[in-house]
Amino acid sequence: MRTLSALSKVRPTLLIVEDLHWAGRSTLAAIEYVARRAGLQALLVVGTYRNEELGSRAELSAYAAASLAMNCLHRWRLAD
């Protein structure tokens, strides 16, 4: 987090994490930690996952639900 904080003080920073449907609990917890603190800095965290995998991945489903409830997740769906 210190590196991202330092970068975002110099210029706006974007962190992209792809394929969250493969992420485990610890990875999702780390992303949540960074995302919660991003609002205080010029830092945007973007994560991608396959929507069809959401139902079969309990960790990702719980993470998405909690993030939506905390208003730190916004969903966009790409056109098929």
PDB file of N, CA and C in Angstrom:
ATOM      1  N   MET A   1       0.820  -1.188   0.000  1.00  0.00           N
ATOM      2  CA  MET A   1       0.000   0.000   0.000  1.00  0.00           C
ATOM      3  C   MET A   1       0.863   1.251   0.000  1.00  0.00           C
ATOM      4  N   ARG A   2       2.007   1.173   0.635  1.00  0.00           N
ATOM      5  CA  ARG A   2       2.878   2.355   0.677  1.00  0.00           C
ATOM      6  C   ARG A   2       3.320   2.778  -0.720  1.00  0.00           C
ATOM      7  N   THR A   3       3.630   1.798  -1.564  1.00  0.00           N
ATOM      8  CA  THR A   3       4.059   2.116  -2.926  1.00  0.00           C
ATOM      9  C   THR A   3       2.933   2.777  -3.704  1.00  0.00           C
ATOM     10  N   LEU A   4       1.727   2.219  -3.604  1.00  0.00           N
ATOM     11  CA  LEU A   4       0.584   2.816  -4.299  1.00  0.00           C
ATOM     12  C   LEU A   4       0.280   4.206  -3.761  1.00  0.00           C
ATOM     13  N   SER A   5       0.387   4.383  -2.459  1.00  0.00           N
ATOM     14  CA  SER A   5       0.164   5.709  -1.859  1.00  0.00           C
ATOM     15  C   SER A   5       1.175   6.718  -2.378  1.00  0.00           C
ATOM     16  N   ALA A   6       2.439   6.301  -2.422  1.00  0.00           N
ATOM     17  CA  ALA A   6       3.485   7.201  -2.909  1.00  0.00           C
ATOM     18  C   ALA A   6       3.261   7.569  -4.367  1.00  0.00           C
ATOM     19  N   LEU A   7       2.913   6.576  -5.191  1.00  0.00           N
ATOM     20  CA  LEU A   7       2.645   6.844  -6.602  1.00  0.00           C
ATOM     21  C   LEU A   7       1.464   7.787  -6.781  1.00  0.00           C
ATOM     22  N   SER A   8       0.405   7.579  -6.016  1.00  0.00           N
ATOM     23  CA  SER A   8      -0.801   8.392  -6.182  1.00  0.00           C
ATOM     24  C   SER A   8      -0.614   9.820  -5.689  1.00  0.00           C
ATOM     25  N   LYS A   9       0.412  10.063  -4.891  1.00  0.00           N
ATOM     26  CA  LYS A   9       0.721  11.437  -4.473  1.00  0.00           C
ATOM     27  C   LYS A   9       1.427  12.207  -5.577  1.00  0.00           C
ATOM     28  N   VAL A  10       2.119  11.471  -6.444  1.00  0.00           N
ATOM     29  CA  VAL A  10       2.840  12.097  -7.557  1.00  0.00           C
ATOM     30  C   VAL A  10       1.903  12.350  -8.733  1.00  0.00           C
ATOM     31  N   ARG A  11       1.049  11.326  -9.021  1.00  0.00           N
ATOM     32  CA  ARG A  11       0.086  11.451 -10.124  1.00  0.00           C
ATOM     33  C   ARG A  11      -1.030  10.438  -9.909  1.00  0.00           C
ATOM     34  N   PRO A  12      -2.187  10.663 -10.516  1.00  0.00           N
ATOM     35  CA  PRO A  12      -3.272   9.678 -10.386  1.00  0.00           C
ATOM     36  C   PRO A  12      -2.797   8.296 -10.836  1.00  0.00           C
ATOM     37  N   THR A  13      -3.195   7.279 -10.081  1.00  0.00           N
ATOM     38  CA  THR A  13      -2.703   5.918 -10.306  1.00  0.00           C
ATOM     39  C   THR A  13      -3.861   4.959 -10.520  1.00  0.00           C
ATOM     40  N   LEU A  14      -3.685   4.038 -11.440  1.00  0.00           N
ATOM     41  CA  LEU A  14      -4.679   3.019 -11.753  1.00  0.00           C
ATOM     42  C   LEU A  14      -4.072   1.650 -11.489  1.00  0.00           C
ATOM     43  N   LEU A  15      -4.740   0.844 -10.673  1.00  0.00           N
ATOM     44  CA  LEU A  15      -4.338  -0.531 -10.408  1.00  0.00           C
ATOM     45  C   LEU A  15      -5.381  -1.440 -11.040  1.00  0.00           C
ATOM     46  N   ILE A  16      -4.947  -2.274 -11.979  1.00  0.00           N
ATOM     47  CA  ILE A  16      -5.851  -3.196 -12.662  1.00  0.00           C
ATOM     48  C   ILE A  16      -5.511  -4.616 -12.230  1.00  0.00           C
ATOM     49  N   VAL A  17      -6.522  -5.328 -11.761  1.00  0.00           N
ATOM     50  CA  VAL A  17      -6.360  -6.729 -11.371  1.00  0.00           C
ATOM     51  C   VAL A  17      -7.327  -7.540 -12.224  1.00  0.00           C
ATOM     52  N   GLU A  18      -6.790  -8.397 -13.059  1.00  0.00           N
ATOM     53  CA  GLU A  18      -7.617  -9.174 -13.973  1.00  0.00           C
ATOM     54  C   GLU A  18      -7.907 -10.565 -13.418  1.00  0.00           C
ATOM     55  N   ASP A  19      -8.958 -11.160 -13.953  1.00  0.00           N
ATOM     56  CA  ASP A  19      -9.334 -12.546 -13.657  1.00  0.00           C
ATOM     57  C   ASP A  19      -9.576 -12.811 -12.175  1.00  0.00           C
ATOM     58  N   LEU A  20     -10.347 -11.932 -11.552  1.00  0.00           N
ATOM     59  CA  LEU A  20     -10.664 -12.117 -10.128  1.00  0.00           C
ATOM     60  C   LEU A  20     -11.443 -13.399  -9.864  1.00  0.00           C
ATOM     61  N   HIS A  21     -12.024 -13.983 -10.897  1.00  0.00           N
ATOM     62  CA  HIS A  21     -12.749 -15.241 -10.697  1.00  0.00           C
ATOM     63  C   HIS A  21     -11.801 -16.360 -10.275  1.00  0.00           C
ATOM     64  N   TRP A  22     -10.491 -16.176 -10.436  1.00  0.00           N
ATOM     65  CA  TRP A  22      -9.506 -17.158  -9.985  1.00  0.00           C
ATOM     66  C   TRP A  22      -8.919 -16.793  -8.611  1.00  0.00           C
ATOM     67  N   ALA A  23      -9.256 -15.626  -8.096  1.00  0.00           N
ATOM     68  CA  ALA A  23      -8.639 -15.148  -6.859  1.00  0.00           C
ATOM     69  C   ALA A  23      -9.154 -15.900  -5.635  1.00  0.00           C
ATOM     70  N   GLY A  24      -8.265 -16.102  -4.697  1.00  0.00           N
ATOM     71  CA  GLY A  24      -8.626 -16.720  -3.423  1.00  0.00           C
ATOM     72  C   GLY A  24      -8.993 -15.666  -2.395  1.00  0.00           C
ATOM     73  N   ARG A  25      -9.329 -16.124  -1.219  1.00  0.00           N
ATOM     74  CA  ARG A  25      -9.765 -15.246  -0.133  1.00  0.00           C
ATOM     75  C   ARG A  25      -8.698 -14.208   0.234  1.00  0.00           C
ATOM     76  N   SER A  26      -7.440 -14.617   0.313  1.00  0.00           N
ATOM     77  CA  SER A  26      -6.383 -13.681   0.716  1.00  0.00           C
ATOM     78  C   SER A  26      -6.143 -12.603  -0.349  1.00  0.00           C
ATOM     79  N   THR A  27      -6.223 -12.979  -1.610  1.00  0.00           N
ATOM     80  CA  THR A  27      -6.067 -11.993  -2.685  1.00  0.00           C
ATOM     81  C   THR A  27      -7.202 -10.986  -2.660  1.00  0.00           C
ATOM     82  N   LEU A  28      -8.423 -11.466  -2.493  1.00  0.00           N
ATOM     83  CA  LEU A  28      -9.572 -10.564  -2.427  1.00  0.00           C
ATOM     84  C   LEU A  28      -9.482  -9.651  -1.210  1.00  0.00           C
ATOM     85  N   ALA A  29      -8.993 -10.167  -0.093  1.00  0.00           N
ATOM     86  CA  ALA A  29      -8.826  -9.349   1.110  1.00  0.00           C
ATOM     87  C   ALA A  29      -7.791  -8.249   0.873  1.00  0.00           C
ATOM     88  N   ALA A  30      -6.715  -8.568   0.174  1.00  0.00           N
ATOM     89  CA  ALA A  30      -5.692  -7.566  -0.128  1.00  0.00           C
ATOM     90  C   ALA A  30      -6.244  -6.478  -1.041  1.00  0.00           C
ATOM     91  N   ILE A  31      -7.018  -6.875  -2.045  1.00  0.00           N
ATOM     92  CA  ILE A  31      -7.618  -5.899  -2.962  1.00  0.00           C
ATOM     93  C   ILE A  31      -8.617  -5.027  -2.209  1.00  0.00           C
ATOM     94  N   GLU A  32      -9.402  -5.629  -1.335  1.00  0.00           N
ATOM     95  CA  GLU A  32     -10.352  -4.854  -0.536  1.00  0.00           C
ATOM     96  C   GLU A  32      -9.624  -3.849   0.345  1.00  0.00           C
ATOM     97  N   TYR A  33      -8.530  -4.247   0.952  1.00  0.00           N
ATOM     98  CA  TYR A  33      -7.733  -3.354   1.789  1.00  0.00           C
ATOM     99  C   TYR A  33      -7.285  -2.124   0.998  1.00  0.00           C
ATOM    100  N   VAL A  34      -6.757  -2.366  -0.191  1.00  0.00           N
ATOM    101  CA  VAL A  34      -6.297  -1.266  -1.039  1.00  0.00           C
ATOM    102  C   VAL A  34      -7.475  -0.406  -1.486  1.00  0.00           C
ATOM    103  N   ALA A  35      -8.566  -1.035  -1.897  1.00  0.00           N
ATOM    104  CA  ALA A  35      -9.726  -0.294  -2.402  1.00  0.00           C
ATOM    105  C   ALA A  35     -10.358   0.588  -1.326  1.00  0.00           C
ATOM    106  N   ARG A  36     -10.414   0.105  -0.097  1.00  0.00           N
ATOM    107  CA  ARG A  36     -10.983   0.914   0.999  1.00  0.00           C
ATOM    108  C   ARG A  36     -10.175   2.181   1.227  1.00  0.00           C
ATOM    109  N   ARG A  37      -8.881   2.108   1.034  1.00  0.00           N
ATOM    110  CA  ARG A  37      -8.019   3.258   1.267  1.00  0.00           C
ATOM    111  C   ARG A  37      -7.832   4.131   0.027  1.00  0.00           C
ATOM    112  N   ALA A  38      -8.282   3.653  -1.116  1.00  0.00           N
ATOM    113  CA  ALA A  38      -8.110   4.383  -2.372  1.00  0.00           C
ATOM    114  C   ALA A  38      -8.918   5.670  -2.403  1.00  0.00           C
ATOM    115  N   GLY A  39     -10.041   5.710  -1.706  1.00  0.00           N
ATOM    116  CA  GLY A  39     -10.887   6.896  -1.716  1.00  0.00           C
ATOM    117  C   GLY A  39     -10.222   8.133  -1.146  1.00  0.00           C
ATOM    118  N   LEU A  40      -9.195   7.945  -0.361  1.00  0.00           N
ATOM    119  CA  LEU A  40      -8.480   9.059   0.246  1.00  0.00           C
ATOM    120  C   LEU A  40      -7.322   9.542  -0.621  1.00  0.00           C
ATOM    121  N   GLN A  41      -7.116   8.879  -1.753  1.00  0.00           N
ATOM    122  CA  GLN A  41      -5.982   9.180  -2.609  1.00  0.00           C
ATOM    123  C   GLN A  41      -6.422   9.225  -4.064  1.00  0.00           C
ATOM    124  N   ALA A  42      -5.509   9.618  -4.928  1.00  0.00           N
ATOM    125  CA  ALA A  42      -5.775   9.630  -6.367  1.00  0.00           C
ATOM    126  C   ALA A  42      -5.458   8.247  -6.928  1.00  0.00           C
ATOM    127  N   LEU A  43      -6.218   7.253  -6.450  1.00  0.00           N
ATOM    128  CA  LEU A  43      -5.981   5.860  -6.802  1.00  0.00           C
ATOM    129  C   LEU A  43      -7.302   5.196  -7.169  1.00  0.00           C
ATOM    130  N   LEU A  44      -7.321   4.540  -8.306  1.00  0.00           N
ATOM    131  CA  LEU A  44      -8.492   3.805  -8.764  1.00  0.00           C
ATOM    132  C   LEU A  44      -8.102   2.343  -8.913  1.00  0.00           C
ATOM    133  N   VAL A  45      -8.907   1.459  -8.328  1.00  0.00           N
ATOM    134  CA  VAL A  45      -8.678   0.024  -8.428  1.00  0.00           C
ATOM    135  C   VAL A  45      -9.754  -0.562  -9.334  1.00  0.00           C
ATOM    136  N   VAL A  46      -9.323  -1.254 -10.382  1.00  0.00           N
ATOM    137  CA  VAL A  46     -10.243  -1.886 -11.322  1.00  0.00           C
ATOM    138  C   VAL A  46      -9.959  -3.379 -11.324  1.00  0.00           C
ATOM    139  N   GLY A  47     -10.992  -4.168 -11.117  1.00  0.00           N
ATOM    140  CA  GLY A  47     -10.861  -5.618 -11.156  1.00  0.00           C
ATOM    141  C   GLY A  47     -11.793  -6.196 -12.191  1.00  0.00           C
ATOM    142  N   THR A  48     -11.351  -7.222 -12.873  1.00  0.00           N
ATOM    143  CA  THR A  48     -12.198  -7.863 -13.870  1.00  0.00           C
ATOM    144  C   THR A  48     -12.434  -9.317 -13.481  1.00  0.00           C
ATOM    145  N   TYR A  49     -13.613  -9.804 -13.842  1.00  0.00           N
ATOM    146  CA  TYR A  49     -13.935 -11.217 -13.638  1.00  0.00           C
ATOM    147  C   TYR A  49     -14.996 -11.611 -14.646  1.00  0.00           C
ATOM    148  N   ARG A  50     -15.133 -12.892 -14.853  1.00  0.00           N
ATOM    149  CA  ARG A  50     -16.173 -13.406 -15.744  1.00  0.00           C
ATOM    150  C   ARG A  50     -17.457 -13.528 -14.948  1.00  0.00           C
ATOM    151  N   ASN A  51     -18.467 -12.848 -15.396  1.00  0.00           N
ATOM    152  CA  ASN A  51     -19.736 -12.825 -14.672  1.00  0.00           C
ATOM    153  C   ASN A  51     -20.323 -14.217 -14.495  1.00  0.00           C
ATOM    154  N   GLU A  52     -20.146 -15.085 -15.472  1.00  0.00           N
ATOM    155  CA  GLU A  52     -20.694 -16.442 -15.369  1.00  0.00           C
ATOM    156  C   GLU A  52     -19.987 -17.258 -14.285  1.00  0.00           C
ATOM    157  N   GLU A  53     -18.810 -16.833 -13.841  1.00  0.00           N
ATOM    158  CA  GLU A  53     -18.079 -17.522 -12.780  1.00  0.00           C
ATOM    159  C   GLU A  53     -18.506 -17.061 -11.383  1.00  0.00           C
ATOM    160  N   LEU A  54     -19.235 -15.968 -11.306  1.00  0.00           N
ATOM    161  CA  LEU A  54     -19.576 -15.377 -10.018  1.00  0.00           C
ATOM    162  C   LEU A  54     -20.352 -16.341  -9.128  1.00  0.00           C
ATOM    163  N   GLY A  55     -21.307 -17.059  -9.681  1.00  0.00           N
ATOM    164  CA  GLY A  55     -22.119 -17.972  -8.888  1.00  0.00           C
ATOM    165  C   GLY A  55     -21.361 -19.175  -8.364  1.00  0.00           C
ATOM    166  N   SER A  56     -20.331 -19.605  -9.077  1.00  0.00           N
ATOM    167  CA  SER A  56     -19.590 -20.794  -8.665  1.00  0.00           C
ATOM    168  C   SER A  56     -18.412 -20.480  -7.751  1.00  0.00           C
ATOM    169  N   ARG A  57     -18.112 -19.233  -7.547  1.00  0.00           N
ATOM    170  CA  ARG A  57     -16.981 -18.824  -6.704  1.00  0.00           C
ATOM    171  C   ARG A  57     -17.512 -18.105  -5.464  1.00  0.00           C
ATOM    172  N   ALA A  58     -17.646 -18.835  -4.372  1.00  0.00           N
ATOM    173  CA  ALA A  58     -18.227 -18.284  -3.143  1.00  0.00           C
ATOM    174  C   ALA A  58     -17.447 -17.073  -2.647  1.00  0.00           C
ATOM    175  N   GLU A  59     -16.115 -17.133  -2.700  1.00  0.00           N
ATOM    176  CA  GLU A  59     -15.309 -16.013  -2.208  1.00  0.00           C
ATOM    177  C   GLU A  59     -15.591 -14.745  -3.004  1.00  0.00           C
ATOM    178  N   LEU A  60     -15.627 -14.887  -4.329  1.00  0.00           N
ATOM    179  CA  LEU A  60     -15.862 -13.729  -5.178  1.00  0.00           C
ATOM    180  C   LEU A  60     -17.280 -13.205  -5.007  1.00  0.00           C
ATOM    181  N   SER A  61     -18.258 -14.074  -4.900  1.00  0.00           N
ATOM    182  CA  SER A  61     -19.643 -13.653  -4.685  1.00  0.00           C
ATOM    183  C   SER A  61     -19.780 -12.858  -3.396  1.00  0.00           C
ATOM    184  N   ALA A  62     -19.179 -13.350  -2.312  1.00  0.00           N
ATOM    185  CA  ALA A  62     -19.240 -12.656  -1.022  1.00  0.00           C
ATOM    186  C   ALA A  62     -18.521 -11.319  -1.097  1.00  0.00           C
ATOM    187  N   TYR A  63     -17.368 -11.297  -1.758  1.00  0.00           N
ATOM    188  CA  TYR A  63     -16.604 -10.067  -1.916  1.00  0.00           C
ATOM    189  C   TYR A  63     -17.412  -9.033  -2.697  1.00  0.00           C
ATOM    190  N   ALA A  64     -18.006  -9.453  -3.795  1.00  0.00           N
ATOM    191  CA  ALA A  64     -18.792  -8.534  -4.625  1.00  0.00           C
ATOM    192  C   ALA A  64     -19.986  -7.984  -3.855  1.00  0.00           C
ATOM    193  N   ALA A  65     -20.684  -8.840  -3.127  1.00  0.00           N
ATOM    194  CA  ALA A  65     -21.844  -8.392  -2.344  1.00  0.00           C
ATOM    195  C   ALA A  65     -21.436  -7.397  -1.266  1.00  0.00           C
ATOM    196  N   ALA A  66     -20.357  -7.684  -0.559  1.00  0.00           N
ATOM    197  CA  ALA A  66     -19.885  -6.785   0.499  1.00  0.00           C
ATOM    198  C   ALA A  66     -19.403  -5.460  -0.082  1.00  0.00           C
ATOM    199  N   SER A  67     -18.721  -5.522  -1.211  1.00  0.00           N
ATOM    200  CA  SER A  67     -18.207  -4.307  -1.836  1.00  0.00           C
ATOM    201  C   SER A  67     -19.333  -3.429  -2.360  1.00  0.00           C
ATOM    202  N   LEU A  68     -20.362  -4.041  -2.917  1.00  0.00           N
ATOM    203  CA  LEU A  68     -21.531  -3.268  -3.351  1.00  0.00           C
ATOM    204  C   LEU A  68     -22.206  -2.601  -2.163  1.00  0.00           C
ATOM    205  N   ALA A  69     -22.330  -3.323  -1.060  1.00  0.00           N
ATOM    206  CA  ALA A  69     -22.975  -2.780   0.135  1.00  0.00           C
ATOM    207  C   ALA A  69     -22.190  -1.596   0.709  1.00  0.00           C
ATOM    208  N   MET A  70     -20.865  -1.636   0.595  1.00  0.00           N
ATOM    209  CA  MET A  70     -20.024  -0.554   1.117  1.00  0.00           C
ATOM    210  C   MET A  70     -19.858   0.578   0.108  1.00  0.00           C
ATOM    211  N   ASN A  71     -20.492   0.443  -1.029  1.00  0.00           N
ATOM    212  CA  ASN A  71     -20.429   1.430  -2.102  1.00  0.00           C
ATOM    213  C   ASN A  71     -19.003   1.651  -2.611  1.00  0.00           C
ATOM    214  N   CYS A  72     -18.197   0.596  -2.605  1.00  0.00           N
ATOM    215  CA  CYS A  72     -16.857   0.726  -3.183  1.00  0.00           C
ATOM    216  C   CYS A  72     -16.703  -0.185  -4.395  1.00  0.00           C
ATOM    217  N   LEU A  73     -17.826  -0.663  -4.915  1.00  0.00           N
ATOM    218  CA  LEU A  73     -17.802  -1.469  -6.133  1.00  0.00           C
ATOM    219  C   LEU A  73     -18.864  -0.918  -7.077  1.00  0.00           C
ATOM    220  N   HIS A  74     -18.479  -0.704  -8.300  1.00  0.00           N
ATOM    221  CA  HIS A  74     -19.403  -0.306  -9.349  1.00  0.00           C
ATOM    222  C   HIS A  74     -19.233  -1.320 -10.472  1.00  0.00           C
ATOM    223  N   ARG A  75     -20.324  -1.823 -10.977  1.00  0.00           N
ATOM    224  CA  ARG A  75     -20.271  -2.845 -12.015  1.00  0.00           C
ATOM    225  C   ARG A  75     -20.549  -2.251 -13.383  1.00  0.00           C
ATOM    226  N   TRP A  76     -19.748  -2.688 -14.340  1.00  0.00           N
ATOM    227  CA  TRP A  76     -19.983  -2.401 -15.731  1.00  0.00           C
ATOM    228  C   TRP A  76     -19.920  -3.720 -16.467  1.00  0.00           C
ATOM    229  N   ARG A  77     -20.837  -3.907 -17.344  1.00  0.00           N
ATOM    230  CA  ARG A  77     -20.828  -5.136 -18.143  1.00  0.00           C
ATOM    231  C   ARG A  77     -20.472  -4.804 -19.562  1.00  0.00           C
ATOM    232  N   LEU A  78     -19.470  -5.504 -20.060  1.00  0.00           N
ATOM    233  CA  LEU A  78     -19.079  -5.317 -21.451  1.00  0.00           C
ATOM    234  C   LEU A  78     -20.070  -6.021 -22.357  1.00  0.00           C
ATOM    235  N   ALA A  79     -20.293  -5.458 -23.507  1.00  0.00           N
ATOM    236  CA  ALA A  79     -21.198  -6.063 -24.472  1.00  0.00           C
ATOM    237  C   ALA A  79     -20.617  -7.375 -24.960  1.00  0.00           C
ATOM    238  N   ASP A  80     -21.497  -8.345 -25.162  1.00  0.00           N
ATOM    239  CA  ASP A  80     -21.056  -9.654 -25.660  1.00  0.00           C
ATOM    240  C   ASP A  80     -20.768  -9.604 -27.138  1.00  0.00           C
TER     241      ASP A  80
END
